[in-house]
């Protein structure tokens, strides 16, 4: 399959899986929408529909409907992802890196669980 036909097929699948508000990664396999699903969908949509890609990462609907608020803004979240990948590339202890990031995230709300 050529690069162009693969990209066209991926765009078709993303459009087919759209609910209008979000794109479900595999709606027939599981009904959930996880943040990493939204991130991968946004990456895929960025080349064919940039405004739709941004909507995949927009938490406004969760804020309106559920009263949910993100603990980290997008810049901080992306910085944490970059930090994780840099540590992995250096060969750092990824368990320690992950636990440190979890503790930082939990401490943000003053709800640290100590020895996480």
N, C-alpha and C. Protein backbone atom coordinates (compact mmCIF):
# COMPACT_ATOMS: atom_id res chain seq x y z
N UNK A 1 0.86 -1.17 0.00
CA UNK A 1 0.00 0.00 0.00
C UNK A 1 0.90 1.23 0.00
N UNK A 2 0.63 2.18 -0.89
CA UNK A 2 1.45 3.38 -0.97
C UNK A 2 1.20 4.30 0.22
N UNK A 3 2.13 5.20 0.43
CA UNK A 3 2.02 6.17 1.53
C UNK A 3 0.73 6.99 1.40
N UNK A 4 0.43 7.41 0.18
CA UNK A 4 -0.76 8.24 -0.05
C UNK A 4 -2.04 7.44 0.21
N UNK A 5 -2.10 6.20 -0.25
CA UNK A 5 -3.32 5.42 -0.02
C UNK A 5 -3.46 5.05 1.46
N UNK A 6 -2.35 4.84 2.15
CA UNK A 6 -2.40 4.56 3.58
C UNK A 6 -2.93 5.78 4.34
N UNK A 7 -2.45 6.97 3.98
CA UNK A 7 -2.92 8.19 4.62
C UNK A 7 -4.40 8.42 4.34
N UNK A 8 -4.84 8.15 3.11
CA UNK A 8 -6.25 8.32 2.77
C UNK A 8 -7.11 7.34 3.56
N UNK A 9 -6.65 6.11 3.71
CA UNK A 9 -7.39 5.10 4.48
C UNK A 9 -7.49 5.52 5.96
N UNK A 10 -6.38 6.02 6.50
CA UNK A 10 -6.38 6.47 7.90
C UNK A 10 -7.35 7.63 8.09
N UNK A 11 -7.36 8.57 7.16
CA UNK A 11 -8.28 9.71 7.25
C UNK A 11 -9.73 9.23 7.18
N UNK A 12 -10.00 8.26 6.32
CA UNK A 12 -11.35 7.69 6.20
C UNK A 12 -11.77 7.05 7.52
N UNK A 13 -10.89 6.28 8.13
CA UNK A 13 -11.22 5.61 9.39
C UNK A 13 -11.49 6.63 10.48
N UNK A 14 -10.65 7.67 10.57
CA UNK A 14 -10.86 8.70 11.58
C UNK A 14 -12.21 9.39 11.38
N UNK A 15 -12.55 9.72 10.15
CA UNK A 15 -13.85 10.35 9.88
C UNK A 15 -15.00 9.39 10.21
N UNK A 16 -14.84 8.13 9.88
CA UNK A 16 -15.88 7.14 10.13
C UNK A 16 -16.11 6.92 11.63
N UNK A 17 -15.05 7.07 12.43
CA UNK A 17 -15.16 6.86 13.87
C UNK A 17 -15.55 8.11 14.65
N UNK A 18 -15.81 9.19 13.95
CA UNK A 18 -16.16 10.44 14.61
C UNK A 18 -17.60 10.39 15.12
N UNK A 19 -17.78 10.90 16.33
CA UNK A 19 -19.13 11.03 16.89
C UNK A 19 -19.68 12.44 16.63
N UNK A 20 -18.85 13.29 16.05
CA UNK A 20 -19.20 14.69 15.87
C UNK A 20 -18.52 15.56 16.90
N UNK A 21 -18.32 15.02 18.08
CA UNK A 21 -17.64 15.75 19.15
C UNK A 21 -16.23 15.19 19.37
N UNK A 22 -16.12 13.87 19.33
CA UNK A 22 -14.82 13.20 19.50
C UNK A 22 -14.70 12.10 18.45
N UNK A 23 -13.51 11.59 18.32
CA UNK A 23 -13.27 10.45 17.45
C UNK A 23 -12.89 9.28 18.34
N UNK A 24 -13.69 8.23 18.32
CA UNK A 24 -13.39 7.04 19.13
C UNK A 24 -12.41 6.17 18.37
N UNK A 25 -11.37 5.75 19.04
CA UNK A 25 -10.31 4.98 18.38
C UNK A 25 -10.81 3.67 17.81
N UNK A 26 -11.58 2.94 18.57
CA UNK A 26 -12.08 1.63 18.13
C UNK A 26 -13.46 1.41 18.76
N UNK A 27 -14.49 2.10 18.26
CA UNK A 27 -15.80 2.04 18.93
C UNK A 27 -16.40 0.65 19.01
N UNK A 28 -16.05 -0.24 18.09
CA UNK A 28 -16.61 -1.59 18.15
C UNK A 28 -15.91 -2.44 19.21
N UNK A 29 -14.69 -2.07 19.59
CA UNK A 29 -13.93 -2.86 20.56
C UNK A 29 -14.16 -2.42 22.00
N UNK A 30 -14.22 -1.11 22.22
CA UNK A 30 -14.49 -0.62 23.57
C UNK A 30 -15.13 0.75 23.48
N UNK A 31 -16.02 1.07 24.43
CA UNK A 31 -16.78 2.31 24.35
C UNK A 31 -16.07 3.52 24.94
N UNK A 32 -14.89 3.32 25.50
CA UNK A 32 -14.22 4.39 26.24
C UNK A 32 -13.41 5.29 25.32
N UNK A 33 -13.15 6.48 25.79
CA UNK A 33 -12.29 7.41 25.08
C UNK A 33 -11.24 7.87 26.09
N UNK A 34 -10.03 7.47 25.89
CA UNK A 34 -8.93 7.81 26.78
C UNK A 34 -8.16 8.99 26.22
N UNK A 35 -7.42 9.68 27.07
CA UNK A 35 -6.68 10.85 26.60
C UNK A 35 -5.66 10.49 25.53
N UNK A 36 -5.04 9.29 25.64
CA UNK A 36 -4.06 8.92 24.61
C UNK A 36 -4.76 8.63 23.28
N UNK A 37 -6.00 8.16 23.34
CA UNK A 37 -6.77 7.99 22.09
C UNK A 37 -6.94 9.34 21.42
N UNK A 38 -7.35 10.33 22.20
CA UNK A 38 -7.56 11.67 21.65
C UNK A 38 -6.26 12.22 21.08
N UNK A 39 -5.15 11.99 21.76
CA UNK A 39 -3.87 12.50 21.29
C UNK A 39 -3.48 11.87 19.96
N UNK A 40 -3.60 10.55 19.85
CA UNK A 40 -3.28 9.88 18.59
C UNK A 40 -4.24 10.30 17.47
N UNK A 41 -5.50 10.46 17.81
CA UNK A 41 -6.46 10.93 16.81
C UNK A 41 -6.08 12.32 16.32
N UNK A 42 -5.68 13.18 17.25
CA UNK A 42 -5.29 14.54 16.87
C UNK A 42 -4.07 14.52 15.96
N UNK A 43 -3.12 13.65 16.24
CA UNK A 43 -1.94 13.54 15.37
C UNK A 43 -2.37 13.12 13.97
N UNK A 44 -3.24 12.13 13.88
CA UNK A 44 -3.71 11.67 12.58
C UNK A 44 -4.52 12.71 11.83
N UNK A 45 -5.35 13.45 12.56
CA UNK A 45 -6.19 14.46 11.92
C UNK A 45 -5.44 15.74 11.57
N UNK A 46 -4.31 15.98 12.19
CA UNK A 46 -3.58 17.24 12.00
C UNK A 46 -3.22 17.49 10.54
N UNK A 47 -2.98 16.44 9.78
CA UNK A 47 -2.59 16.64 8.38
C UNK A 47 -3.78 16.79 7.44
N UNK A 48 -4.95 16.31 7.85
CA UNK A 48 -6.11 16.37 6.94
C UNK A 48 -7.17 17.36 7.40
N UNK A 49 -7.22 17.66 8.71
CA UNK A 49 -8.24 18.57 9.22
C UNK A 49 -7.75 19.20 10.53
N UNK A 50 -6.83 20.19 10.45
CA UNK A 50 -6.26 20.78 11.66
C UNK A 50 -7.28 21.32 12.67
N UNK A 51 -8.36 22.01 12.25
CA UNK A 51 -9.32 22.46 13.26
C UNK A 51 -9.96 21.30 14.02
N UNK A 52 -10.26 20.21 13.31
CA UNK A 52 -10.83 19.03 13.97
C UNK A 52 -9.82 18.40 14.91
N UNK A 53 -8.55 18.42 14.53
CA UNK A 53 -7.50 17.87 15.39
C UNK A 53 -7.44 18.62 16.72
N UNK A 54 -7.56 19.93 16.68
CA UNK A 54 -7.54 20.72 17.91
C UNK A 54 -8.74 20.38 18.80
N UNK A 55 -9.89 20.12 18.18
CA UNK A 55 -11.07 19.76 18.96
C UNK A 55 -10.88 18.46 19.74
N UNK A 56 -10.09 17.54 19.19
CA UNK A 56 -9.83 16.27 19.88
C UNK A 56 -9.16 16.51 21.23
N UNK A 57 -8.39 17.59 21.33
CA UNK A 57 -7.66 17.88 22.55
C UNK A 57 -8.37 18.90 23.44
N UNK A 58 -9.53 19.37 23.01
CA UNK A 58 -10.27 20.38 23.74
C UNK A 58 -11.06 19.74 24.88
N UNK A 59 -10.84 20.20 26.09
CA UNK A 59 -11.53 19.63 27.26
C UNK A 59 -12.77 20.42 27.64
N UNK A 60 -13.18 21.38 26.81
CA UNK A 60 -14.32 22.24 27.16
C UNK A 60 -15.61 21.45 27.39
N UNK A 61 -15.86 20.41 26.60
CA UNK A 61 -17.09 19.63 26.78
C UNK A 61 -17.10 18.94 28.14
N UNK A 62 -15.96 18.39 28.55
CA UNK A 62 -15.88 17.75 29.87
C UNK A 62 -16.05 18.79 30.98
N UNK A 63 -15.52 19.97 30.75
CA UNK A 63 -15.69 21.04 31.74
C UNK A 63 -17.16 21.43 31.86
N UNK A 64 -17.83 21.61 30.71
CA UNK A 64 -19.24 22.03 30.73
C UNK A 64 -20.15 20.94 31.28
N UNK A 65 -19.98 19.72 30.80
CA UNK A 65 -20.92 18.65 31.15
C UNK A 65 -20.66 18.01 32.50
N UNK A 66 -19.38 17.93 32.88
CA UNK A 66 -19.03 17.19 34.08
C UNK A 66 -18.43 18.04 35.19
N UNK A 67 -18.14 19.30 34.88
CA UNK A 67 -17.48 20.15 35.86
C UNK A 67 -16.02 19.79 36.05
N UNK A 68 -15.48 19.00 35.12
CA UNK A 68 -14.09 18.55 35.21
C UNK A 68 -13.14 19.67 34.82
N UNK A 69 -12.02 19.77 35.50
CA UNK A 69 -10.99 20.75 35.18
C UNK A 69 -9.65 20.02 35.09
N UNK A 70 -8.88 20.28 34.05
CA UNK A 70 -7.56 19.66 33.97
C UNK A 70 -6.64 20.22 35.05
N UNK A 71 -5.80 19.38 35.60
CA UNK A 71 -4.83 19.84 36.59
C UNK A 71 -3.64 20.52 35.93
N UNK A 72 -3.30 20.09 34.73
CA UNK A 72 -2.19 20.68 33.98
C UNK A 72 -2.74 21.31 32.72
N UNK A 73 -2.19 22.46 32.33
CA UNK A 73 -2.56 23.01 31.03
C UNK A 73 -1.80 22.24 29.96
N UNK A 74 -2.13 22.48 28.70
CA UNK A 74 -1.55 21.73 27.60
C UNK A 74 -0.03 21.87 27.56
N UNK A 75 0.48 23.08 27.79
CA UNK A 75 1.93 23.28 27.75
C UNK A 75 2.65 22.43 28.80
N UNK A 76 2.11 22.41 30.03
CA UNK A 76 2.73 21.63 31.09
C UNK A 76 2.64 20.13 30.78
N UNK A 77 1.49 19.69 30.29
CA UNK A 77 1.32 18.27 29.97
C UNK A 77 2.30 17.84 28.88
N UNK A 78 2.43 18.65 27.84
CA UNK A 78 3.37 18.31 26.76
C UNK A 78 4.81 18.34 27.26
N UNK A 79 5.13 19.27 28.16
CA UNK A 79 6.48 19.32 28.75
C UNK A 79 6.76 18.04 29.53
N UNK A 80 5.76 17.53 30.25
CA UNK A 80 5.94 16.28 31.01
C UNK A 80 6.15 15.10 30.07
N UNK A 81 5.44 15.07 28.97
CA UNK A 81 5.63 14.00 27.98
C UNK A 81 7.05 14.07 27.42
N UNK A 82 7.50 15.28 27.09
CA UNK A 82 8.85 15.45 26.56
C UNK A 82 9.90 15.03 27.59
N UNK A 83 9.68 15.39 28.85
CA UNK A 83 10.61 15.01 29.92
C UNK A 83 10.70 13.49 30.03
N UNK A 84 9.56 12.82 29.97
CA UNK A 84 9.54 11.36 30.05
C UNK A 84 10.34 10.75 28.90
N UNK A 85 10.12 11.23 27.68
CA UNK A 85 10.82 10.67 26.52
C UNK A 85 12.32 10.97 26.57
N UNK A 86 12.69 12.15 27.06
CA UNK A 86 14.11 12.47 27.20
C UNK A 86 14.77 11.53 28.22
N UNK A 87 14.09 11.27 29.32
CA UNK A 87 14.62 10.36 30.33
C UNK A 87 14.76 8.95 29.76
N UNK A 88 13.78 8.52 29.00
CA UNK A 88 13.84 7.20 28.37
C UNK A 88 15.02 7.10 27.42
N UNK A 89 15.21 8.15 26.63
CA UNK A 89 16.32 8.17 25.67
C UNK A 89 17.69 8.11 26.38
N UNK A 90 17.77 8.73 27.57
CA UNK A 90 19.02 8.70 28.35
C UNK A 90 19.24 7.35 29.04
N UNK A 91 18.19 6.53 29.11
CA UNK A 91 18.30 5.26 29.80
C UNK A 91 18.04 5.36 31.30
N UNK A 92 17.34 6.42 31.71
CA UNK A 92 17.02 6.60 33.13
C UNK A 92 16.09 5.49 33.62
N UNK A 93 15.98 5.37 34.93
CA UNK A 93 15.06 4.42 35.55
C UNK A 93 13.63 4.93 35.33
N UNK A 94 12.93 4.34 34.38
CA UNK A 94 11.62 4.86 33.97
C UNK A 94 10.55 4.66 35.04
N UNK A 95 10.72 3.65 35.87
CA UNK A 95 9.77 3.49 36.98
C UNK A 95 9.88 4.70 37.91
N UNK A 96 11.11 5.08 38.23
CA UNK A 96 11.33 6.24 39.11
C UNK A 96 10.82 7.53 38.46
N UNK A 97 11.08 7.68 37.17
CA UNK A 97 10.61 8.88 36.46
C UNK A 97 9.08 8.93 36.49
N UNK A 98 8.44 7.81 36.17
CA UNK A 98 6.99 7.77 36.17
C UNK A 98 6.40 8.05 37.53
N UNK A 99 6.97 7.44 38.57
CA UNK A 99 6.46 7.66 39.92
C UNK A 99 6.66 9.10 40.36
N UNK A 100 7.78 9.70 39.98
CA UNK A 100 8.01 11.11 40.32
C UNK A 100 6.97 12.00 39.63
N UNK A 101 6.65 11.69 38.39
CA UNK A 101 5.64 12.49 37.69
C UNK A 101 4.25 12.28 38.31
N UNK A 102 3.95 11.07 38.71
CA UNK A 102 2.66 10.81 39.36
C UNK A 102 2.58 11.59 40.68
N UNK A 103 3.64 11.53 41.48
CA UNK A 103 3.65 12.26 42.75
C UNK A 103 3.51 13.75 42.53
N UNK A 104 4.19 14.30 41.51
CA UNK A 104 4.07 15.72 41.19
C UNK A 104 2.64 16.06 40.83
N UNK A 105 2.01 15.21 40.04
CA UNK A 105 0.63 15.43 39.62
C UNK A 105 -0.31 15.38 40.82
N UNK A 106 -0.16 14.39 41.68
CA UNK A 106 -1.03 14.23 42.84
C UNK A 106 -0.80 15.36 43.83
N UNK A 107 0.47 15.76 44.05
CA UNK A 107 0.78 16.83 44.99
C UNK A 107 0.19 18.16 44.56
N UNK A 108 -0.08 18.33 43.28
CA UNK A 108 -0.65 19.55 42.76
C UNK A 108 -1.95 19.90 43.47
N UNK A 109 -2.71 18.90 43.84
CA UNK A 109 -3.98 19.13 44.53
C UNK A 109 -3.86 18.96 46.04
N UNK A 110 -2.64 18.76 46.53
CA UNK A 110 -2.47 18.57 47.96
C UNK A 110 -3.02 17.24 48.45
N UNK A 111 -3.02 16.25 47.56
CA UNK A 111 -3.59 14.95 47.92
C UNK A 111 -2.54 13.86 47.78
N UNK A 112 -1.29 14.17 48.12
CA UNK A 112 -0.23 13.20 47.96
C UNK A 112 -0.51 11.94 48.77
N UNK A 113 -0.13 10.81 48.20
CA UNK A 113 -0.35 9.54 48.88
C UNK A 113 0.97 8.98 49.38
N UNK A 114 1.90 9.90 49.67
CA UNK A 114 3.16 9.49 50.28
C UNK A 114 4.00 8.62 49.39
N UNK A 115 4.13 7.35 49.71
CA UNK A 115 5.06 6.45 49.05
C UNK A 115 4.59 5.92 47.73
N UNK A 116 3.80 6.60 47.02
CA UNK A 116 3.28 6.21 45.71
C UNK A 116 4.29 5.40 44.95
